C-alpha cells in the first residue's frame, strides 16, 4: 500500500493538467447526436441512419466528415451541414452535463490544474453545448476536429492541447469514454 501511495504522489506531482474528451465524458450528448444524424440522413437520403444503437455506436467515434462521406455518398456535404444545423438549432437541448462533472472540474480548477478538451467533434457543436449548459470558461483550451487533420485515437488532438497550453504532453492526464480514448 505504501508503494502505491508513493507512486501516486510522484505521478500527481508531475501532472499539472487534465484533458478530457467532450461527448460521453463531460456532456451526455448521445441523444442530441443521434437525433442530428437521423434528421440529416432523412432529409437528404430519405433513410433512417443510424438504424439502431449498434449503428450509432459505430458512427460516433468518426468525425462528421468521415461518417457523412462513408454513408452520405454524393450528399455527404449536405448531410454534414444538416447534422450541424440541427444539432446547433435544436438537438443540443437534449444534452446535459454528467452528474458530478461540474463539481469535479471546479475542484480540479481550485487545485490549480490546467483543464482542456480534445474532441473529434466540431467547435460549433461544442460551442452550442457550452452556451446551453453554462460551461463557459470551464476549461483553458478546446481542441476540435478543425484543429488537427488526425482524429483520436491519433495523439495529435492531445498534443495540440498541450502545445496550446505551452506544456509538455507528459504533464497531462487524459479522461475519455471510448476505446479510442484509451488507445
Protein backbone atom coordinates (compact mmCIF):
# COMPACT_ATOMS: atom_id res chain seq x y z
CA UNK A 1 0.00 0.00 0.00
CA UNK A 2 2.81 2.43 0.85
CA UNK A 3 4.42 1.80 -2.56
CA UNK A 4 1.12 2.61 -4.30
CA UNK A 5 0.66 5.84 -2.36
CA UNK A 6 4.25 6.91 -3.06
CA UNK A 7 3.78 6.18 -6.76
CA UNK A 8 0.57 8.19 -6.89
CA UNK A 9 2.25 11.09 -5.14
CA UNK A 10 5.15 11.08 -7.64
CA UNK A 11 2.77 10.94 -10.59
CA UNK A 12 0.48 13.61 -9.23
CA UNK A 13 3.43 15.99 -8.76
CA UNK A 14 4.25 15.67 -12.45
CA UNK A 15 0.66 16.05 -13.68
CA UNK A 16 -0.28 19.71 -13.93
CA UNK A 17 -3.35 19.38 -16.11
CA UNK A 18 -6.20 17.15 -17.17
CA UNK A 19 -7.52 16.86 -20.71
CA UNK A 20 -10.99 15.48 -21.30
CA UNK A 21 -12.98 14.13 -24.17
CA UNK A 22 -16.24 16.11 -24.51
CA UNK A 23 -19.09 13.85 -25.61
CA UNK A 24 -19.70 11.00 -23.22
CA UNK A 25 -17.23 12.36 -20.69
CA UNK A 26 -18.22 15.90 -19.71
CA UNK A 27 -21.51 16.11 -21.59
CA UNK A 28 -24.06 13.41 -22.31
CA UNK A 29 -24.87 14.41 -25.87
CA UNK A 30 -25.74 10.95 -27.20
CA UNK A 31 -29.40 11.75 -27.81
CA UNK A 32 -28.51 15.05 -29.49
CA UNK A 33 -26.07 13.34 -31.85
CA UNK A 34 -28.49 10.50 -32.56
CA UNK A 35 -31.30 12.93 -33.41
CA UNK A 36 -28.99 15.06 -35.57
CA UNK A 37 -27.83 12.06 -37.61
CA UNK A 38 -31.43 10.95 -38.06
CA UNK A 39 -32.52 14.41 -39.18
CA UNK A 40 -29.70 14.80 -41.70
CA UNK A 41 -29.95 11.34 -43.29
CA UNK A 42 -33.72 11.53 -43.54
CA UNK A 43 -33.59 15.00 -45.06
CA UNK A 44 -31.03 14.23 -47.77
CA UNK A 45 -31.29 10.50 -48.38
CA UNK A 46 -34.73 9.63 -47.06
CA UNK A 47 -33.27 6.91 -44.85
CA UNK A 48 -33.11 6.14 -41.16
CA UNK A 49 -29.49 6.36 -40.05
CA UNK A 50 -28.34 5.38 -37.54
CA UNK A 51 -30.62 2.37 -37.83
CA UNK A 52 -30.14 1.32 -34.22
CA UNK A 53 -27.86 1.71 -31.22
CA UNK A 54 -25.17 -0.52 -32.73
CA UNK A 55 -25.10 1.61 -35.90
CA UNK A 56 -24.91 4.75 -33.77
CA UNK A 57 -22.07 3.32 -31.66
CA UNK A 58 -20.13 2.59 -34.85
CA UNK A 59 -20.66 6.13 -36.23
CA UNK A 60 -19.91 8.21 -33.12
CA UNK A 61 -16.10 7.84 -32.99
CA UNK A 62 -15.81 9.13 -36.57
CA UNK A 63 -15.57 12.77 -37.35
CA UNK A 64 -18.71 14.05 -39.06
CA UNK A 65 -16.87 14.49 -42.37
CA UNK A 66 -15.84 10.82 -42.24
CA UNK A 67 -19.25 9.39 -41.39
CA UNK A 68 -21.09 11.57 -43.88
CA UNK A 69 -18.59 10.66 -46.63
CA UNK A 70 -18.95 6.98 -45.82
CA UNK A 71 -22.74 6.89 -45.57
CA UNK A 72 -23.94 10.00 -47.41
CA UNK A 73 -22.30 9.43 -50.77
CA UNK A 74 -22.81 12.37 -53.11
CA UNK A 75 -24.87 14.06 -50.39
CA UNK A 76 -22.06 13.94 -47.83
CA UNK A 77 -21.61 17.70 -47.53
CA UNK A 78 -25.36 18.29 -47.26
CA UNK A 79 -25.68 15.58 -44.61
CA UNK A 80 -22.84 17.11 -42.57
CA UNK A 81 -24.26 20.63 -42.89
CA UNK A 82 -27.75 19.49 -41.88
CA UNK A 83 -26.37 17.50 -38.94
CA UNK A 84 -24.57 20.59 -37.65
CA UNK A 85 -27.56 22.85 -38.31
CA UNK A 86 -29.96 20.57 -36.46
CA UNK A 87 -27.56 19.98 -33.55
CA UNK A 88 -26.87 23.70 -33.13
CA UNK A 89 -30.51 24.78 -33.55
CA UNK A 90 -32.42 22.07 -31.74
CA UNK A 91 -30.76 18.84 -30.63
CA UNK A 92 -28.28 20.38 -28.18
CA UNK A 93 -31.26 20.99 -25.88
CA UNK A 94 -31.37 17.26 -25.09
CA UNK A 95 -27.82 17.22 -23.70
CA UNK A 96 -26.77 17.55 -20.09
CA UNK A 97 -23.62 17.66 -18.01
CA UNK A 98 -22.94 14.33 -16.34
CA UNK A 99 -23.74 14.33 -12.62
CA UNK A 100 -20.78 15.50 -10.56
CA UNK A 101 -18.79 16.75 -13.56
CA UNK A 102 -19.25 20.47 -12.83
CA UNK A 103 -18.07 19.91 -9.30
CA UNK A 104 -15.13 17.77 -10.42
CA UNK A 105 -13.98 20.41 -12.92
CA UNK A 106 -14.36 23.14 -10.29
CA UNK A 107 -12.34 21.12 -7.77
CA UNK A 108 -9.58 20.44 -10.29
CA UNK A 109 -9.50 24.15 -11.13
CA UNK A 110 -9.38 25.05 -7.40
CA UNK A 111 -6.40 22.72 -7.01
CA UNK A 112 -4.59 24.59 -9.77
CA UNK A 113 -4.81 22.08 -12.63
CA UNK A 114 -4.93 23.27 -16.21
CA UNK A 115 -8.03 21.90 -17.94
CA UNK A 116 -8.67 21.16 -21.57
CA UNK A 117 -10.85 19.32 -24.05
CA UNK A 118 -9.70 17.22 -27.00
CA UNK A 119 -12.66 16.16 -29.13
CA UNK A 120 -13.24 14.67 -32.56
CA UNK A 121 -16.33 16.85 -32.91
CA UNK A 122 -16.67 20.35 -34.36
CA UNK A 123 -16.16 23.57 -32.43
CA UNK A 124 -19.58 24.96 -33.35
CA UNK A 125 -21.21 21.82 -31.92
CA UNK A 126 -19.29 22.07 -28.68
CA UNK A 127 -20.00 25.81 -28.50
CA UNK A 128 -23.74 25.06 -28.69
CA UNK A 129 -23.37 22.74 -25.71
CA UNK A 130 -21.21 25.20 -23.78
CA UNK A 131 -23.67 28.06 -24.16
CA UNK A 132 -26.76 25.98 -23.38
CA UNK A 133 -25.21 24.20 -20.40
CA UNK A 134 -23.45 27.23 -18.94
CA UNK A 135 -19.94 25.83 -19.28
CA UNK A 136 -18.19 29.00 -20.41
CA UNK A 137 -14.63 29.35 -19.12
CA UNK A 138 -14.65 25.89 -17.52
CA UNK A 139 -11.58 24.76 -19.47
CA UNK A 140 -8.46 26.55 -20.66
CA UNK A 141 -8.34 25.10 -24.17
CA UNK A 142 -10.66 23.25 -26.55
CA UNK A 143 -9.25 21.26 -29.45
CA UNK A 144 -11.76 20.08 -32.07
CA UNK A 145 -11.91 18.47 -35.50
CA UNK A 146 -10.92 21.79 -37.06
CA UNK A 147 -7.62 21.92 -35.17
CA UNK A 148 -5.91 18.74 -36.37
CA UNK A 149 -6.08 16.64 -39.52
CA UNK A 150 -5.94 13.48 -37.43
CA UNK A 151 -8.61 12.28 -35.04
CA UNK A 152 -8.29 10.34 -31.85
CA UNK A 153 -7.01 7.73 -31.25
CA UNK A 154 -4.17 9.51 -33.05
CA UNK A 155 -2.41 11.62 -30.40
CA UNK A 156 -2.49 14.84 -32.49
CA UNK A 157 -5.51 16.40 -30.70
CA UNK A 158 -3.93 15.78 -27.28
CA UNK A 159 -0.54 17.03 -28.43
CA UNK A 160 -2.20 20.15 -29.83
CA UNK A 161 -3.92 20.81 -26.49
CA UNK A 162 -0.59 20.54 -24.64
CA UNK A 163 1.02 22.83 -27.21
CA UNK A 164 -1.73 25.45 -26.81
CA UNK A 165 -1.20 25.33 -23.06
CA UNK A 166 2.60 25.64 -23.52
CA UNK A 167 3.28 22.47 -21.53
CA UNK A 168 4.85 19.09 -22.25
CA UNK A 169 2.30 16.39 -23.15
CA UNK A 170 3.52 14.19 -20.29
CA UNK A 171 2.28 16.85 -17.86
CA UNK A 172 -1.35 15.91 -18.60
CA UNK A 173 -3.69 13.12 -17.64
CA UNK A 174 -6.43 12.28 -20.13
CA UNK A 175 -10.01 11.22 -19.41
CA UNK A 176 -12.29 9.79 -22.08
CA UNK A 177 -15.12 7.34 -22.56
CA UNK A 178 -14.41 5.22 -25.63
CA UNK A 179 -11.83 2.75 -26.81
CA UNK A 180 -10.02 5.34 -28.92
CA UNK A 181 -9.50 7.46 -25.80
CA UNK A 182 -7.78 4.53 -24.11
CA UNK A 183 -5.54 3.97 -27.10
